[in-house]
């Protein structure tokens, strides 16, 4: 049976995202500045998150609020 590794990220705006890491659910805020993600749209951000063998597993977008787009990515280990 396959073993999956997961990561959780929230796209907030053109230059901001958050991640909840597995250990302690620590929230890490990041910026696209200085990263390989240089285009300013959601699909480019998804491409950047999928580097290293990750694939999109689930996307949940908040159309009514301002909490961003929550994504889960997975890859085989």
N, C-alpha and C. Protein backbone atom coordinates (compact mmCIF):
# COMPACT_ATOMS: atom_id res chain seq x y z
N UNK A 1 0.83 -1.18 0.00
CA UNK A 1 0.00 0.00 0.00
C UNK A 1 0.88 1.25 0.00
N UNK A 2 0.47 2.26 -0.73
CA UNK A 2 1.26 3.49 -0.87
C UNK A 2 1.23 4.32 0.41
N UNK A 3 2.35 4.94 0.71
CA UNK A 3 2.45 5.87 1.83
C UNK A 3 2.45 7.30 1.27
N UNK A 4 1.58 8.15 1.79
CA UNK A 4 1.48 9.52 1.33
C UNK A 4 1.99 10.48 2.40
N UNK A 5 2.64 11.53 1.93
CA UNK A 5 3.01 12.67 2.78
C UNK A 5 2.12 13.82 2.35
N UNK A 6 1.63 14.60 3.29
CA UNK A 6 0.73 15.71 2.98
C UNK A 6 1.28 17.03 3.50
N UNK A 7 0.91 18.10 2.82
CA UNK A 7 1.21 19.44 3.33
C UNK A 7 -0.02 20.31 3.09
N UNK A 8 -0.20 21.29 3.94
CA UNK A 8 -1.36 22.17 3.89
C UNK A 8 -0.87 23.59 3.68
N UNK A 9 -1.46 24.27 2.72
CA UNK A 9 -1.09 25.67 2.42
C UNK A 9 -2.36 26.47 2.17
N UNK A 10 -2.31 27.76 2.52
CA UNK A 10 -3.41 28.67 2.24
C UNK A 10 -2.90 29.85 1.44
N UNK A 11 -3.41 30.02 0.23
CA UNK A 11 -3.08 31.15 -0.62
C UNK A 11 -3.93 32.32 -0.15
N UNK A 12 -3.29 33.41 0.26
CA UNK A 12 -4.01 34.55 0.81
C UNK A 12 -4.11 35.70 -0.19
N UNK A 13 -2.99 36.01 -0.81
CA UNK A 13 -2.98 37.10 -1.78
C UNK A 13 -1.83 36.86 -2.74
N UNK A 14 -1.58 37.82 -3.60
CA UNK A 14 -0.53 37.68 -4.61
C UNK A 14 0.83 37.40 -4.01
N UNK A 15 1.10 37.89 -2.81
CA UNK A 15 2.43 37.74 -2.24
C UNK A 15 2.45 37.08 -0.88
N UNK A 16 1.32 36.52 -0.43
CA UNK A 16 1.29 35.92 0.90
C UNK A 16 0.63 34.54 0.88
N UNK A 17 1.15 33.68 1.71
CA UNK A 17 0.56 32.37 1.92
C UNK A 17 0.84 31.93 3.35
N UNK A 18 0.11 30.95 3.82
CA UNK A 18 0.33 30.37 5.14
C UNK A 18 0.45 28.87 5.00
N UNK A 19 1.15 28.24 5.91
CA UNK A 19 1.22 26.79 5.93
C UNK A 19 1.07 26.29 7.35
N UNK A 20 0.37 25.19 7.50
CA UNK A 20 0.25 24.52 8.79
C UNK A 20 1.10 23.27 8.70
N UNK A 21 2.15 23.24 9.45
CA UNK A 21 3.03 22.08 9.44
C UNK A 21 2.49 21.04 10.43
N UNK A 22 2.80 19.81 10.16
CA UNK A 22 2.23 18.70 10.93
C UNK A 22 2.57 18.78 12.42
N UNK A 23 3.76 19.21 12.76
CA UNK A 23 4.17 19.23 14.16
C UNK A 23 3.59 20.44 14.87
N UNK A 24 2.62 20.23 15.71
CA UNK A 24 2.07 21.29 16.52
C UNK A 24 1.18 22.26 15.78
N UNK A 25 0.86 22.01 14.53
CA UNK A 25 0.01 22.88 13.74
C UNK A 25 0.50 24.33 13.77
N UNK A 26 1.81 24.49 13.70
CA UNK A 26 2.41 25.82 13.71
C UNK A 26 2.08 26.54 12.40
N UNK A 27 1.65 27.76 12.49
CA UNK A 27 1.35 28.53 11.29
C UNK A 27 2.59 29.31 10.88
N UNK A 28 3.01 29.11 9.65
CA UNK A 28 4.17 29.80 9.10
C UNK A 28 3.67 30.71 8.00
N UNK A 29 3.97 31.97 8.11
CA UNK A 29 3.58 32.91 7.06
C UNK A 29 4.78 33.14 6.17
N UNK A 30 4.54 33.16 4.87
CA UNK A 30 5.62 33.33 3.93
C UNK A 30 5.29 34.36 2.88
N UNK A 31 6.26 34.66 2.09
CA UNK A 31 6.12 35.62 1.01
C UNK A 31 6.75 35.05 -0.24
N UNK A 32 6.23 35.45 -1.37
CA UNK A 32 6.78 34.98 -2.64
C UNK A 32 8.07 35.70 -3.00
N UNK A 33 8.37 36.79 -2.33
CA UNK A 33 9.57 37.55 -2.67
C UNK A 33 10.81 36.70 -2.45
N UNK A 34 11.67 36.64 -3.45
CA UNK A 34 12.88 35.87 -3.34
C UNK A 34 12.69 34.39 -3.61
N UNK A 35 11.48 33.97 -3.88
CA UNK A 35 11.21 32.57 -4.16
C UNK A 35 11.14 32.37 -5.68
N UNK A 36 11.01 31.13 -6.10
CA UNK A 36 10.91 30.83 -7.52
C UNK A 36 9.52 31.14 -8.08
N UNK A 37 8.57 31.41 -7.22
CA UNK A 37 7.23 31.78 -7.66
C UNK A 37 7.21 33.28 -7.88
N UNK A 38 7.23 33.69 -9.13
CA UNK A 38 7.33 35.12 -9.42
C UNK A 38 6.08 35.70 -10.06
N UNK A 39 5.26 34.85 -10.70
CA UNK A 39 4.02 35.36 -11.28
C UNK A 39 3.02 35.61 -10.17
N UNK A 40 2.10 36.48 -10.41
CA UNK A 40 1.17 36.87 -9.36
C UNK A 40 -0.24 36.34 -9.61
N UNK A 41 -0.36 35.05 -9.75
CA UNK A 41 -1.70 34.47 -9.82
C UNK A 41 -1.74 33.11 -9.14
N UNK A 42 -2.92 32.65 -8.87
CA UNK A 42 -3.12 31.44 -8.09
C UNK A 42 -2.56 30.20 -8.80
N UNK A 43 -2.74 30.09 -10.10
CA UNK A 43 -2.26 28.90 -10.81
C UNK A 43 -0.73 28.82 -10.80
N UNK A 44 -0.05 29.94 -10.87
CA UNK A 44 1.41 29.94 -10.77
C UNK A 44 1.85 29.52 -9.37
N UNK A 45 1.12 29.96 -8.36
CA UNK A 45 1.40 29.56 -6.99
C UNK A 45 1.23 28.05 -6.82
N UNK A 46 0.16 27.50 -7.43
CA UNK A 46 -0.05 26.05 -7.38
C UNK A 46 1.11 25.31 -8.03
N UNK A 47 1.57 25.78 -9.19
CA UNK A 47 2.72 25.15 -9.86
C UNK A 47 3.94 25.16 -8.95
N UNK A 48 4.18 26.27 -8.28
CA UNK A 48 5.33 26.39 -7.38
C UNK A 48 5.20 25.41 -6.21
N UNK A 49 4.00 25.27 -5.64
CA UNK A 49 3.78 24.35 -4.53
C UNK A 49 3.93 22.89 -4.95
N UNK A 50 3.71 22.59 -6.24
CA UNK A 50 3.78 21.21 -6.72
C UNK A 50 5.20 20.77 -7.08
N UNK A 51 6.16 21.67 -7.01
CA UNK A 51 7.55 21.28 -7.29
C UNK A 51 7.99 20.22 -6.29
N UNK A 52 8.82 19.32 -6.72
CA UNK A 52 9.34 18.28 -5.84
C UNK A 52 8.44 17.07 -5.72
N UNK A 53 7.55 16.89 -6.69
CA UNK A 53 6.71 15.70 -6.70
C UNK A 53 5.37 15.83 -6.00
N UNK A 54 5.02 17.02 -5.54
CA UNK A 54 3.73 17.23 -4.87
C UNK A 54 2.62 17.34 -5.90
N UNK A 55 1.42 16.89 -5.54
CA UNK A 55 0.24 17.05 -6.39
C UNK A 55 -0.88 17.63 -5.54
N UNK A 56 -1.79 18.36 -6.21
CA UNK A 56 -2.93 18.94 -5.52
C UNK A 56 -3.89 17.81 -5.15
N UNK A 57 -4.27 17.75 -3.89
CA UNK A 57 -5.20 16.73 -3.41
C UNK A 57 -6.59 17.32 -3.18
N UNK A 58 -6.65 18.53 -2.61
CA UNK A 58 -7.93 19.18 -2.34
C UNK A 58 -7.75 20.69 -2.33
N UNK A 59 -8.75 21.39 -2.89
CA UNK A 59 -8.77 22.85 -2.87
C UNK A 59 -10.13 23.28 -2.32
N UNK A 60 -10.11 24.24 -1.41
CA UNK A 60 -11.33 24.80 -0.86
C UNK A 60 -11.20 26.32 -0.88
N UNK A 61 -12.03 26.97 -1.65
CA UNK A 61 -11.95 28.43 -1.80
C UNK A 61 -13.10 29.09 -1.06
N UNK A 62 -12.78 30.14 -0.32
CA UNK A 62 -13.78 30.91 0.42
C UNK A 62 -14.22 32.08 -0.46
N UNK A 63 -15.38 31.94 -1.09
CA UNK A 63 -15.86 32.99 -1.98
C UNK A 63 -16.53 34.13 -1.24
N UNK A 64 -17.00 33.90 -0.03
CA UNK A 64 -17.73 34.92 0.73
C UNK A 64 -16.86 35.69 1.70
N UNK A 65 -15.80 35.11 2.14
CA UNK A 65 -14.96 35.76 3.15
C UNK A 65 -13.65 36.23 2.58
N UNK A 66 -12.71 36.42 3.47
CA UNK A 66 -11.40 36.92 3.07
C UNK A 66 -10.29 36.02 3.61
N UNK A 67 -10.59 34.73 3.73
CA UNK A 67 -9.62 33.82 4.35
C UNK A 67 -8.74 33.10 3.34
N UNK A 68 -8.86 33.39 2.06
CA UNK A 68 -7.98 32.80 1.08
C UNK A 68 -8.47 31.47 0.55
N UNK A 69 -7.56 30.76 -0.09
CA UNK A 69 -7.85 29.46 -0.69
C UNK A 69 -6.99 28.41 -0.02
N UNK A 70 -7.63 27.45 0.61
CA UNK A 70 -6.96 26.41 1.37
C UNK A 70 -6.71 25.21 0.47
N UNK A 71 -5.50 24.67 0.51
CA UNK A 71 -5.13 23.55 -0.34
C UNK A 71 -4.40 22.48 0.46
N UNK A 72 -4.63 21.24 0.08
CA UNK A 72 -3.84 20.12 0.59
C UNK A 72 -3.11 19.51 -0.60
N UNK A 73 -1.83 19.27 -0.41
CA UNK A 73 -0.99 18.64 -1.43
C UNK A 73 -0.50 17.31 -0.89
N UNK A 74 -0.21 16.37 -1.76
CA UNK A 74 0.33 15.09 -1.33
C UNK A 74 1.39 14.60 -2.30
N UNK A 75 2.25 13.70 -1.80
CA UNK A 75 3.23 13.03 -2.64
C UNK A 75 3.56 11.67 -2.03
N UNK A 76 3.94 10.76 -2.87
CA UNK A 76 4.34 9.43 -2.40
C UNK A 76 5.69 9.50 -1.74
N UNK A 77 5.84 8.78 -0.64
CA UNK A 77 7.14 8.72 0.04
C UNK A 77 7.71 7.32 -0.05
